[in-house]
PDB file of N, CA and C in Angstrom:
ATOM      1  N   MET A   1       0.245 -16.346  10.385  1.00  0.00           N
ATOM      2  CA  MET A   1      -0.949 -15.662   9.934  1.00  0.00           C
ATOM      3  C   MET A   1      -2.033 -16.674   9.606  1.00  0.00           C
ATOM      4  N   GLY A   2      -2.367 -17.538  10.517  1.00  0.00           N
ATOM      5  CA  GLY A   2      -3.406 -18.507  10.248  1.00  0.00           C
ATOM      6  C   GLY A   2      -4.578 -18.339  11.184  1.00  0.00           C
ATOM      7  N   THR A   3      -5.721 -18.892  10.805  1.00  0.00           N
ATOM      8  CA  THR A   3      -6.922 -18.778  11.631  1.00  0.00           C
ATOM      9  C   THR A   3      -7.038 -19.906  12.637  1.00  0.00           C
ATOM     10  N   ASP A   4      -6.276 -20.993  12.457  1.00  0.00           N
ATOM     11  CA  ASP A   4      -6.350 -22.138  13.363  1.00  0.00           C
ATOM     12  C   ASP A   4      -4.942 -22.674  13.645  1.00  0.00           C
ATOM     13  N   PRO A   5      -4.123 -21.897  14.359  1.00  0.00           N
ATOM     14  CA  PRO A   5      -2.741 -22.310  14.591  1.00  0.00           C
ATOM     15  C   PRO A   5      -2.634 -23.462  15.578  1.00  0.00           C
ATOM     16  N   SER A   6      -1.502 -24.169  15.503  1.00  0.00           N
ATOM     17  CA  SER A   6      -1.267 -25.283  16.410  1.00  0.00           C
ATOM     18  C   SER A   6       0.127 -25.145  17.025  1.00  0.00           C
ATOM     19  N   GLY A   7       0.449 -26.045  17.922  1.00  0.00           N
ATOM     20  CA  GLY A   7       1.770 -26.038  18.551  1.00  0.00           C
ATOM     21  C   GLY A   7       2.003 -24.776  19.357  1.00  0.00           C
ATOM     22  N   ALA A   8       3.183 -24.187  19.202  1.00  0.00           N
ATOM     23  CA  ALA A   8       3.564 -22.990  19.963  1.00  0.00           C
ATOM     24  C   ALA A   8       2.694 -21.782  19.627  1.00  0.00           C
ATOM     25  N   TRP A   9       1.942 -21.862  18.551  1.00  0.00           N
ATOM     26  CA  TRP A   9       1.149 -20.713  18.112  1.00  0.00           C
ATOM     27  C   TRP A   9      -0.306 -20.775  18.571  1.00  0.00           C
ATOM     28  N   ILE A  10      -0.698 -21.823  19.309  1.00  0.00           N
ATOM     29  CA  ILE A  10      -2.086 -21.925  19.789  1.00  0.00           C
ATOM     30  C   ILE A  10      -2.433 -20.660  20.569  1.00  0.00           C
ATOM     31  N   GLY A  11      -3.614 -20.145  20.286  1.00  0.00           N
ATOM     32  CA  GLY A  11      -4.071 -18.937  20.965  1.00  0.00           C
ATOM     33  C   GLY A  11      -3.628 -17.649  20.288  1.00  0.00           C
ATOM     34  N   HIS A  12      -2.950 -17.776  19.158  1.00  0.00           N
ATOM     35  CA  HIS A  12      -2.454 -16.587  18.463  1.00  0.00           C
ATOM     36  C   HIS A  12      -2.948 -16.549  17.015  1.00  0.00           C
ATOM     37  N   ALA A  13      -4.223 -16.854  16.814  1.00  0.00           N
ATOM     38  CA  ALA A  13      -4.795 -16.823  15.465  1.00  0.00           C
ATOM     39  C   ALA A  13      -4.630 -15.440  14.860  1.00  0.00           C
ATOM     40  N   ASP A  14      -4.242 -15.402  13.607  1.00  0.00           N
ATOM     41  CA  ASP A  14      -4.074 -14.187  12.803  1.00  0.00           C
ATOM     42  C   ASP A  14      -2.923 -13.294  13.253  1.00  0.00           C
ATOM     43  N   ALA A  15      -2.193 -13.690  14.310  1.00  0.00           N
ATOM     44  CA  ALA A  15      -1.073 -12.872  14.790  1.00  0.00           C
ATOM     45  C   ALA A  15       0.169 -13.107  13.929  1.00  0.00           C
ATOM     46  N   LEU A  16       1.075 -12.145  13.970  1.00  0.00           N
ATOM     47  CA  LEU A  16       2.383 -12.309  13.336  1.00  0.00           C
ATOM     48  C   LEU A  16       3.338 -12.831  14.399  1.00  0.00           C
ATOM     49  N   ALA A  17       4.224 -13.743  14.021  1.00  0.00           N
ATOM     50  CA  ALA A  17       5.156 -14.352  14.977  1.00  0.00           C
ATOM     51  C   ALA A  17       6.591 -14.108  14.542  1.00  0.00           C
ATOM     52  N   CYS A  18       7.452 -13.971  15.529  1.00  0.00           N
ATOM     53  CA  CYS A  18       8.873 -13.767  15.280  1.00  0.00           C
ATOM     54  C   CYS A  18       9.657 -14.542  16.330  1.00  0.00           C
ATOM     55  N   TRP A  19      10.670 -15.284  15.899  1.00  0.00           N
ATOM     56  CA  TRP A  19      11.512 -16.034  16.820  1.00  0.00           C
ATOM     57  C   TRP A  19      12.599 -15.119  17.368  1.00  0.00           C
ATOM     58  N   THR A  20      12.762 -15.126  18.688  1.00  0.00           N
ATOM     59  CA  THR A  20      13.816 -14.355  19.338  1.00  0.00           C
ATOM     60  C   THR A  20      14.600 -15.283  20.263  1.00  0.00           C
ATOM     61  N   ALA A  21      15.682 -14.785  20.841  1.00  0.00           N
ATOM     62  CA  ALA A  21      16.465 -15.582  21.792  1.00  0.00           C
ATOM     63  C   ALA A  21      15.605 -16.010  22.975  1.00  0.00           C
ATOM     64  N   GLY A  22      14.573 -15.257  23.289  1.00  0.00           N
ATOM     65  CA  GLY A  22      13.677 -15.593  24.399  1.00  0.00           C
ATOM     66  C   GLY A  22      12.480 -16.426  23.983  1.00  0.00           C
ATOM     67  N   GLY A  23      12.435 -16.874  22.732  1.00  0.00           N
ATOM     68  CA  GLY A  23      11.313 -17.686  22.246  1.00  0.00           C
ATOM     69  C   GLY A  23      10.460 -16.906  21.264  1.00  0.00           C
ATOM     70  N   TRP A  24       9.291 -17.439  20.983  1.00  0.00           N
ATOM     71  CA  TRP A  24       8.387 -16.801  20.025  1.00  0.00           C
ATOM     72  C   TRP A  24       7.779 -15.542  20.628  1.00  0.00           C
ATOM     73  N   ARG A  25       7.681 -14.503  19.823  1.00  0.00           N
ATOM     74  CA  ARG A  25       7.011 -13.258  20.181  1.00  0.00           C
ATOM     75  C   ARG A  25       5.883 -13.064  19.167  1.00  0.00           C
ATOM     76  N   PHE A  26       4.745 -12.624  19.664  1.00  0.00           N
ATOM     77  CA  PHE A  26       3.564 -12.478  18.813  1.00  0.00           C
ATOM     78  C   PHE A  26       3.070 -11.042  18.830  1.00  0.00           C
ATOM     79  N   VAL A  27       2.582 -10.604  17.692  1.00  0.00           N
ATOM     80  CA  VAL A  27       1.953  -9.298  17.558  1.00  0.00           C
ATOM     81  C   VAL A  27       0.566  -9.531  16.983  1.00  0.00           C
ATOM     82  N   ASP A  28      -0.448  -9.098  17.723  1.00  0.00           N
ATOM     83  CA  ASP A  28      -1.809  -9.240  17.220  1.00  0.00           C
ATOM     84  C   ASP A  28      -1.997  -8.359  15.988  1.00  0.00           C
ATOM     85  N   ALA A  29      -2.674  -8.897  14.995  1.00  0.00           N
ATOM     86  CA  ALA A  29      -2.934  -8.151  13.770  1.00  0.00           C
ATOM     87  C   ALA A  29      -3.865  -6.984  14.071  1.00  0.00           C
ATOM     88  N   GLN A  30      -3.592  -5.871  13.432  1.00  0.00           N
ATOM     89  CA  GLN A  30      -4.404  -4.661  13.571  1.00  0.00           C
ATOM     90  C   GLN A  30      -4.963  -4.288  12.201  1.00  0.00           C
ATOM     91  N   GLU A  31      -6.106  -3.646  12.199  1.00  0.00           N
ATOM     92  CA  GLU A  31      -6.742  -3.214  10.952  1.00  0.00           C
ATOM     93  C   GLU A  31      -5.751  -2.390  10.122  1.00  0.00           C
ATOM     94  N   GLY A  32      -5.588  -2.775   8.855  1.00  0.00           N
ATOM     95  CA  GLY A  32      -4.699  -2.065   7.942  1.00  0.00           C
ATOM     96  C   GLY A  32      -3.259  -2.557   7.947  1.00  0.00           C
ATOM     97  N   MET A  33      -2.922  -3.485   8.856  1.00  0.00           N
ATOM     98  CA  MET A  33      -1.554  -4.015   8.912  1.00  0.00           C
ATOM     99  C   MET A  33      -1.252  -4.787   7.635  1.00  0.00           C
ATOM    100  N   SER A  34      -0.034  -4.666   7.147  1.00  0.00           N
ATOM    101  CA  SER A  34       0.344  -5.420   5.953  1.00  0.00           C
ATOM    102  C   SER A  34       1.625  -6.195   6.216  1.00  0.00           C
ATOM    103  N   ALA A  35       1.777  -7.260   5.473  1.00  0.00           N
ATOM    104  CA  ALA A  35       2.945  -8.135   5.597  1.00  0.00           C
ATOM    105  C   ALA A  35       3.195  -8.772   4.234  1.00  0.00           C
ATOM    106  N   TRP A  36       4.288  -9.505   4.119  1.00  0.00           N
ATOM    107  CA  TRP A  36       4.613 -10.218   2.891  1.00  0.00           C
ATOM    108  C   TRP A  36       4.443 -11.704   3.139  1.00  0.00           C
ATOM    109  N   ASP A  37       3.634 -12.371   2.310  1.00  0.00           N
ATOM    110  CA  ASP A  37       3.415 -13.812   2.417  1.00  0.00           C
ATOM    111  C   ASP A  37       4.461 -14.514   1.546  1.00  0.00           C
ATOM    112  N   ARG A  38       5.452 -15.105   2.196  1.00  0.00           N
ATOM    113  CA  ARG A  38       6.536 -15.750   1.440  1.00  0.00           C
ATOM    114  C   ARG A  38       6.046 -16.963   0.662  1.00  0.00           C
ATOM    115  N   GLU A  39       5.036 -17.656   1.178  1.00  0.00           N
ATOM    116  CA  GLU A  39       4.537 -18.850   0.492  1.00  0.00           C
ATOM    117  C   GLU A  39       3.941 -18.515  -0.871  1.00  0.00           C
ATOM    118  N   THR A  40       3.142 -17.447  -0.941  1.00  0.00           N
ATOM    119  CA  THR A  40       2.493 -17.072  -2.199  1.00  0.00           C
ATOM    120  C   THR A  40       3.228 -15.963  -2.940  1.00  0.00           C
ATOM    121  N   GLN A  41       4.287 -15.419  -2.314  1.00  0.00           N
ATOM    122  CA  GLN A  41       5.044 -14.309  -2.902  1.00  0.00           C
ATOM    123  C   GLN A  41       4.127 -13.139  -3.248  1.00  0.00           C
ATOM    124  N   SER A  42       3.268 -12.785  -2.271  1.00  0.00           N
ATOM    125  CA  SER A  42       2.335 -11.694  -2.495  1.00  0.00           C
ATOM    126  C   SER A  42       2.064 -10.956  -1.189  1.00  0.00           C
ATOM    127  N   PRO A  43       1.516  -9.744  -1.291  1.00  0.00           N
ATOM    128  CA  PRO A  43       1.215  -8.988  -0.075  1.00  0.00           C
ATOM    129  C   PRO A  43       0.036  -9.595   0.674  1.00  0.00           C
ATOM    130  N   ALA A  44       0.015  -9.353   1.972  1.00  0.00           N
ATOM    131  CA  ALA A  44      -1.104  -9.764   2.821  1.00  0.00           C
ATOM    132  C   ALA A  44      -1.579  -8.525   3.564  1.00  0.00           C
ATOM    133  N   LEU A  45      -2.883  -8.316   3.595  1.00  0.00           N
ATOM    134  CA  LEU A  45      -3.467  -7.146   4.229  1.00  0.00           C
ATOM    135  C   LEU A  45      -4.482  -7.614   5.252  1.00  0.00           C
ATOM    136  N   PHE A  46      -4.386  -7.096   6.489  1.00  0.00           N
ATOM    137  CA  PHE A  46      -5.369  -7.435   7.522  1.00  0.00           C
ATOM    138  C   PHE A  46      -6.486  -6.411   7.460  1.00  0.00           C
ATOM    139  N   ARG A  47      -7.665  -6.883   7.054  1.00  0.00           N
ATOM    140  CA  ARG A  47      -8.798  -5.975   6.865  1.00  0.00           C
ATOM    141  C   ARG A  47     -10.084  -6.675   7.269  1.00  0.00           C
ATOM    142  N   ASP A  48     -10.918  -5.966   8.006  1.00  0.00           N
ATOM    143  CA  ASP A  48     -12.213  -6.503   8.450  1.00  0.00           C
ATOM    144  C   ASP A  48     -12.055  -7.813   9.218  1.00  0.00           C
ATOM    145  N   GLY A  49     -10.991  -7.929  10.015  1.00  0.00           N
ATOM    146  CA  GLY A  49     -10.816  -9.072  10.897  1.00  0.00           C
ATOM    147  C   GLY A  49     -10.153 -10.288  10.299  1.00  0.00           C
ATOM    148  N   SER A  50      -9.635 -10.188   9.065  1.00  0.00           N
ATOM    149  CA  SER A  50      -8.957 -11.359   8.490  1.00  0.00           C
ATOM    150  C   SER A  50      -7.857 -10.910   7.533  1.00  0.00           C
ATOM    151  N   TRP A  51      -6.907 -11.831   7.308  1.00  0.00           N
ATOM    152  CA  TRP A  51      -5.823 -11.573   6.363  1.00  0.00           C
ATOM    153  C   TRP A  51      -6.328 -11.815   4.948  1.00  0.00           C
ATOM    154  N   ARG A  52      -6.045 -10.891   4.067  1.00  0.00           N
ATOM    155  CA  ARG A  52      -6.407 -11.018   2.654  1.00  0.00           C
ATOM    156  C   ARG A  52      -5.108 -11.125   1.855  1.00  0.00           C
ATOM    157  N   ILE A  53      -4.856 -12.309   1.368  1.00  0.00           N
ATOM    158  CA  ILE A  53      -3.614 -12.585   0.651  1.00  0.00           C
ATOM    159  C   ILE A  53      -3.759 -12.109  -0.792  1.00  0.00           C
ATOM    160  N   GLY A  54      -2.772 -11.344  -1.259  1.00  0.00           N
ATOM    161  CA  GLY A  54      -2.766 -10.865  -2.631  1.00  0.00           C
ATOM    162  C   GLY A  54      -3.606  -9.632  -2.864  1.00  0.00           C
ATOM    163  N   GLU A  55      -4.194  -9.087  -1.813  1.00  0.00           N
ATOM    164  CA  GLU A  55      -5.045  -7.912  -1.948  1.00  0.00           C
ATOM    165  C   GLU A  55      -4.263  -6.661  -1.545  1.00  0.00           C
ATOM    166  N   VAL A  56      -4.380  -5.620  -2.332  1.00  0.00           N
ATOM    167  CA  VAL A  56      -3.715  -4.356  -2.043  1.00  0.00           C
ATOM    168  C   VAL A  56      -4.770  -3.259  -2.117  1.00  0.00           C
ATOM    169  N   HIS A  57      -4.767  -2.374  -1.153  1.00  0.00           N
ATOM    170  CA  HIS A  57      -5.726  -1.269  -1.129  1.00  0.00           C
ATOM    171  C   HIS A  57      -4.974   0.047  -1.092  1.00  0.00           C
ATOM    172  N   GLY A  58      -5.531   1.026  -1.718  1.00  0.00           N
ATOM    173  CA  GLY A  58      -4.912   2.344  -1.679  1.00  0.00           C
ATOM    174  C   GLY A  58      -4.748   2.927  -3.058  1.00  0.00           C
ATOM    175  N   ARG A  59      -3.799   3.839  -3.173  1.00  0.00           N
ATOM    176  CA  ARG A  59      -3.533   4.513  -4.438  1.00  0.00           C
ATOM    177  C   ARG A  59      -2.138   4.138  -4.914  1.00  0.00           C
ATOM    178  N   LEU A  60      -1.943   4.123  -6.207  1.00  0.00           N
ATOM    179  CA  LEU A  60      -0.624   3.899  -6.789  1.00  0.00           C
ATOM    180  C   LEU A  60      -0.113   5.236  -7.278  1.00  0.00           C
ATOM    181  N   ILE A  61       0.954   5.715  -6.643  1.00  0.00           N
ATOM    182  CA  ILE A  61       1.522   7.011  -6.989  1.00  0.00           C
ATOM    183  C   ILE A  61       2.975   6.802  -7.395  1.00  0.00           C
ATOM    184  N   VAL A  62       3.327   7.279  -8.581  1.00  0.00           N
ATOM    185  CA  VAL A  62       4.687   7.196  -9.092  1.00  0.00           C
ATOM    186  C   VAL A  62       5.142   8.602  -9.442  1.00  0.00           C
ATOM    187  N   ASP A  63       6.281   9.000  -8.899  1.00  0.00           N
ATOM    188  CA  ASP A  63       6.821  10.347  -9.135  1.00  0.00           C
ATOM    189  C   ASP A  63       5.780  11.431  -8.888  1.00  0.00           C
ATOM    190  N   GLY A  64       5.008  11.266  -7.822  1.00  0.00           N
ATOM    191  CA  GLY A  64       4.028  12.274  -7.439  1.00  0.00           C
ATOM    192  C   GLY A  64       2.736  12.264  -8.227  1.00  0.00           C
ATOM    193  N   GLN A  65       2.607  11.357  -9.180  1.00  0.00           N
ATOM    194  CA  GLN A  65       1.402  11.283 -10.004  1.00  0.00           C
ATOM    195  C   GLN A  65       0.613  10.027  -9.675  1.00  0.00           C
ATOM    196  N   GLN A  66      -0.688  10.205  -9.380  1.00  0.00           N
ATOM    197  CA  GLN A  66      -1.537   9.043  -9.139  1.00  0.00           C
ATOM    198  C   GLN A  66      -1.803   8.346 -10.466  1.00  0.00           C
ATOM    199  N   LEU A  67      -1.475   7.043 -10.535  1.00  0.00           N
ATOM    200  CA  LEU A  67      -1.650   6.290 -11.778  1.00  0.00           C
ATOM    201  C   LEU A  67      -2.922   5.456 -11.794  1.00  0.00           C
ATOM    202  N   VAL A  68      -3.326   4.946 -10.659  1.00  0.00           N
ATOM    203  CA  VAL A  68      -4.510   4.094 -10.593  1.00  0.00           C
ATOM    204  C   VAL A  68      -5.396   4.597  -9.466  1.00  0.00           C
ATOM    205  N   GLY A  69      -6.673   4.696  -9.737  1.00  0.00           N
ATOM    206  CA  GLY A  69      -7.635   5.121  -8.735  1.00  0.00           C
ATOM    207  C   GLY A  69      -8.857   4.225  -8.803  1.00  0.00           C
ATOM    208  N   PRO A  70      -9.971   4.688  -8.286  1.00  0.00           N
ATOM    209  CA  PRO A  70     -11.190   3.879  -8.315  1.00  0.00           C
ATOM    210  C   PRO A  70     -11.623   3.571  -9.749  1.00  0.00           C
ATOM    211  N   ARG A  71     -12.278   2.438  -9.918  1.00  0.00           N
ATOM    212  CA  ARG A  71     -12.768   2.048 -11.238  1.00  0.00           C
ATOM    213  C   ARG A  71     -13.757   3.071 -11.748  1.00  0.00           C
ATOM    214  N   LEU A  72     -13.639   3.410 -13.019  1.00  0.00           N
ATOM    215  CA  LEU A  72     -14.538   4.365 -13.661  1.00  0.00           C
ATOM    216  C   LEU A  72     -15.716   3.641 -14.285  1.00  0.00           C
ATOM    217  N   ALA A  73     -16.675   4.412 -14.752  1.00  0.00           N
ATOM    218  CA  ALA A  73     -17.867   3.849 -15.383  1.00  0.00           C
ATOM    219  C   ALA A  73     -17.502   3.172 -16.702  1.00  0.00           C
ATOM    220  N   ALA A  74     -18.404   2.349 -17.188  1.00  0.00           N
ATOM    221  CA  ALA A  74     -18.198   1.648 -18.454  1.00  0.00           C
ATOM    222  C   ALA A  74     -18.107   2.633 -19.610  1.00  0.00           C
ATOM    223  N   ILE A  75     -17.351   2.255 -20.632  1.00  0.00           N
ATOM    224  CA  ILE A  75     -17.248   3.020 -21.873  1.00  0.00           C
ATOM    225  C   ILE A  75     -17.644   2.071 -22.989  1.00  0.00           C
ATOM    226  N   GLY A  76     -18.622   2.475 -23.779  1.00  0.00           N
ATOM    227  CA  GLY A  76     -19.097   1.610 -24.858  1.00  0.00           C
ATOM    228  C   GLY A  76     -18.095   1.506 -25.991  1.00  0.00           C
ATOM    229  N   ASN A  77     -18.152   0.403 -26.718  1.00  0.00           N
ATOM    230  CA  ASN A  77     -17.300   0.224 -27.889  1.00  0.00           C
ATOM    231  C   ASN A  77     -17.747   1.179 -28.992  1.00  0.00           C
ATOM    232  N   PRO A  78     -16.806   1.605 -29.844  1.00  0.00           N
ATOM    233  CA  PRO A  78     -17.172   2.518 -30.927  1.00  0.00           C
ATOM    234  C   PRO A  78     -18.093   1.834 -31.937  1.00  0.00           C
ATOM    235  N   GLU A  79     -19.111   2.574 -32.374  1.00  0.00           N
ATOM    236  CA  GLU A  79     -20.021   2.051 -33.396  1.00  0.00           C
ATOM    237  C   GLU A  79     -20.789   3.214 -34.004  1.00  0.00           C
ATOM    238  N   GLY A  80     -21.337   3.006 -35.155  1.00  0.00           N
ATOM    239  CA  GLY A  80     -22.123   4.044 -35.817  1.00  0.00           C
ATOM    240  C   GLY A  80     -21.239   5.089 -36.482  1.00  0.00           C
ATOM    241  N   GLY A  81     -21.824   6.230 -36.803  1.00  0.00           N
ATOM    242  CA  GLY A  81     -21.086   7.298 -37.467  1.00  0.00           C
ATOM    243  C   GLY A  81     -21.207   7.187 -38.973  1.00  0.00           C
ATOM    244  N   THR A  82     -20.819   8.247 -39.665  1.00  0.00           N
ATOM    245  CA  THR A  82     -20.951   8.244 -41.124  1.00  0.00           C
ATOM    246  C   THR A  82     -19.727   7.696 -41.818  1.00  0.00           C
ATOM    247  N   LEU A  83     -18.567   7.724 -41.177  1.00  0.00           N
ATOM    248  CA  LEU A  83     -17.341   7.206 -41.776  1.00  0.00           C
ATOM    249  C   LEU A  83     -16.802   6.106 -40.863  1.00  0.00           C
ATOM    250  N   ILE A  84     -16.571   4.936 -41.413  1.00  0.00           N
ATOM    251  CA  ILE A  84     -16.094   3.810 -40.622  1.00  0.00           C
ATOM    252  C   ILE A  84     -14.609   3.615 -40.865  1.00  0.00           C
ATOM    253  N   ASP A  85     -13.849   3.622 -39.789  1.00  0.00           N
ATOM    254  CA  ASP A  85     -12.415   3.326 -39.849  1.00  0.00           C
ATOM    255  C   ASP A  85     -12.221   2.047 -39.031  1.00  0.00           C
ATOM    256  N   ALA A  86     -12.284   0.906 -39.715  1.00  0.00           N
ATOM    257  CA  ALA A  86     -12.252  -0.386 -39.042  1.00  0.00           C
ATOM    258  C   ALA A  86     -10.992  -0.578 -38.210  1.00  0.00           C
ATOM    259  N   GLU A  87      -9.846  -0.138 -38.716  1.00  0.00           N
ATOM    260  CA  GLU A  87      -8.590  -0.316 -37.983  1.00  0.00           C
ATOM    261  C   GLU A  87      -8.591   0.484 -36.682  1.00  0.00           C
ATOM    262  N   ALA A  88      -9.033   1.735 -36.756  1.00  0.00           N
ATOM    263  CA  ALA A  88      -9.076   2.577 -35.557  1.00  0.00           C
ATOM    264  C   ALA A  88     -10.057   2.011 -34.540  1.00  0.00           C
ATOM    265  N   ARG A  89     -11.208   1.561 -35.020  1.00  0.00           N
ATOM    266  CA  ARG A  89     -12.194   0.976 -34.102  1.00  0.00           C
ATOM    267  C   ARG A  89     -11.650  -0.288 -33.440  1.00  0.00           C
ATOM    268  N   GLU A  90     -10.907  -1.093 -34.185  1.00  0.00           N
ATOM    269  CA  GLU A  90     -10.336  -2.320 -33.609  1.00  0.00           C
ATOM    270  C   GLU A  90      -9.333  -1.978 -32.517  1.00  0.00           C
ATOM    271  N   VAL A  91      -8.487  -0.983 -32.760  1.00  0.00           N
ATOM    272  CA  VAL A  91      -7.505  -0.578 -31.746  1.00  0.00           C
ATOM    273  C   VAL A  91      -8.208  -0.018 -30.512  1.00  0.00           C
ATOM    274  N   ILE A  92      -9.213   0.815 -30.714  1.00  0.00           N
ATOM    275  CA  ILE A  92      -9.961   1.366 -29.579  1.00  0.00           C
ATOM    276  C   ILE A  92     -10.611   0.240 -28.790  1.00  0.00           C
ATOM    277  N   ALA A  93     -11.193  -0.725 -29.490  1.00  0.00           N
ATOM    278  CA  ALA A  93     -11.821  -1.862 -28.808  1.00  0.00           C
ATOM    279  C   ALA A  93     -10.794  -2.648 -28.002  1.00  0.00           C
ATOM    280  N   GLN A  94      -9.576  -2.809 -28.530  1.00  0.00           N
ATOM    281  CA  GLN A  94      -8.527  -3.517 -27.794  1.00  0.00           C
ATOM    282  C   GLN A  94      -8.102  -2.744 -26.545  1.00  0.00           C
ATOM    283  N   VAL A  95      -7.993  -1.425 -26.660  1.00  0.00           N
ATOM    284  CA  VAL A  95      -7.635  -0.587 -25.505  1.00  0.00           C
ATOM    285  C   VAL A  95      -8.727  -0.696 -24.430  1.00  0.00           C
ATOM    286  N   LEU A  96      -9.977  -0.597 -24.862  1.00  0.00           N
ATOM    287  CA  LEU A  96     -11.075  -0.724 -23.904  1.00  0.00           C
ATOM    288  C   LEU A  96     -11.080  -2.098 -23.247  1.00  0.00           C
ATOM    289  N   ALA A  97     -10.826  -3.150 -24.005  1.00  0.00           N
ATOM    290  CA  ALA A  97     -10.791  -4.508 -23.444  1.00  0.00           C
ATOM    291  C   ALA A  97      -9.679  -4.630 -22.401  1.00  0.00           C
ATOM    292  N   ALA A  98      -8.512  -4.065 -22.691  1.00  0.00           N
ATOM    293  CA  ALA A  98      -7.406  -4.122 -21.734  1.00  0.00           C
ATOM    294  C   ALA A  98      -7.745  -3.356 -20.462  1.00  0.00           C
ATOM    295  N   MET A  99      -8.369  -2.197 -20.605  1.00  0.00           N
ATOM    296  CA  MET A  99      -8.754  -1.418 -19.426  1.00  0.00           C
ATOM    297  C   MET A  99      -9.784  -2.161 -18.587  1.00  0.00           C
ATOM    298  N   ARG A 100     -10.722  -2.850 -19.243  1.00  0.00           N
ATOM    299  CA  ARG A 100     -11.711  -3.649 -18.512  1.00  0.00           C
ATOM    300  C   ARG A 100     -11.047  -4.838 -17.824  1.00  0.00           C
ATOM    301  N   GLU A 101     -10.140  -5.492 -18.526  1.00  0.00           N
ATOM    302  CA  GLU A 101      -9.428  -6.647 -17.966  1.00  0.00           C
ATOM    303  C   GLU A 101      -8.661  -6.261 -16.704  1.00  0.00           C
ATOM    304  N   HIS A 102      -8.086  -5.079 -16.697  1.00  0.00           N
ATOM    305  CA  HIS A 102      -7.322  -4.602 -15.546  1.00  0.00           C
ATOM    306  C   HIS A 102      -8.212  -3.978 -14.482  1.00  0.00           C
ATOM    307  N   GLY A 103      -9.523  -3.923 -14.737  1.00  0.00           N
ATOM    308  CA  GLY A 103     -10.444  -3.373 -13.752  1.00  0.00           C
ATOM    309  C   GLY A 103     -10.446  -1.859 -13.672  1.00  0.00           C
ATOM    310  N   LEU A 104      -9.874  -1.196 -14.667  1.00  0.00           N
ATOM    311  CA  LEU A 104      -9.813   0.261 -14.633  1.00  0.00           C
ATOM    312  C   LEU A 104     -11.146   0.907 -14.985  1.00  0.00           C
ATOM    313  N   ILE A 105     -11.932   0.237 -15.815  1.00  0.00           N
ATOM    314  CA  ILE A 105     -13.284   0.692 -16.124  1.00  0.00           C
ATOM    315  C   ILE A 105     -14.199  -0.520 -16.056  1.00  0.00           C
ATOM    316  N   ALA A 106     -15.463  -0.258 -15.808  1.00  0.00           N
ATOM    317  CA  ALA A 106     -16.442  -1.335 -15.709  1.00  0.00           C
ATOM    318  C   ALA A 106     -16.728  -1.914 -17.089  1.00  0.00           C
ATOM    319  N   VAL A 107     -17.270  -3.127 -17.116  1.00  0.00           N
ATOM    320  CA  VAL A 107     -17.667  -3.778 -18.360  1.00  0.00           C
ATOM    321  C   VAL A 107     -18.935  -3.097 -18.862  1.00  0.00           C
ATOM    322  N   ASP A 108     -18.977  -2.774 -20.153  1.00  0.00           N
ATOM    323  CA  ASP A 108     -20.135  -2.154 -20.758  1.00  0.00           C
ATOM    324  C   ASP A 108     -21.242  -3.196 -20.858  1.00  0.00           C
ATOM    325  N   GLU A 109     -22.367  -2.961 -20.222  1.00  0.00           N
ATOM    326  CA  GLU A 109     -23.471  -3.930 -20.193  1.00  0.00           C
ATOM    327  C   GLU A 109     -24.508  -3.662 -21.263  1.00  0.00           C
ATOM    328  N   MET A 110     -24.179  -2.862 -22.263  1.00  0.00           N
ATOM    329  CA  MET A 110     -25.147  -2.473 -23.296  1.00  0.00           C
ATOM    330  C   MET A 110     -25.501  -3.606 -24.191  1.00  0.00           C
TER     331      MET A 110
END
């Protein structure tokens, strides 16, 4: 899966290779094809004409329930109000920070 192969792989940029009794066999990468990169121990996705190592596209569904989808809009940190509960606000802020860190919601630019 390289862009500038050498040796027996010359002319097979971005292709997948497999050794057989008859020698190397090559499969040209197709849009949406996925493979496992043993060197980085991560998925590889062929998209827009190149391999993207460590990138995964799609939906995460567990037991029929979608768990992760497109990133949602930013959510502001709690502030204001007539009664302040510092502990609750701190926990909410931590939850929001974790969701932002994981890319589940956008960073609040306020």
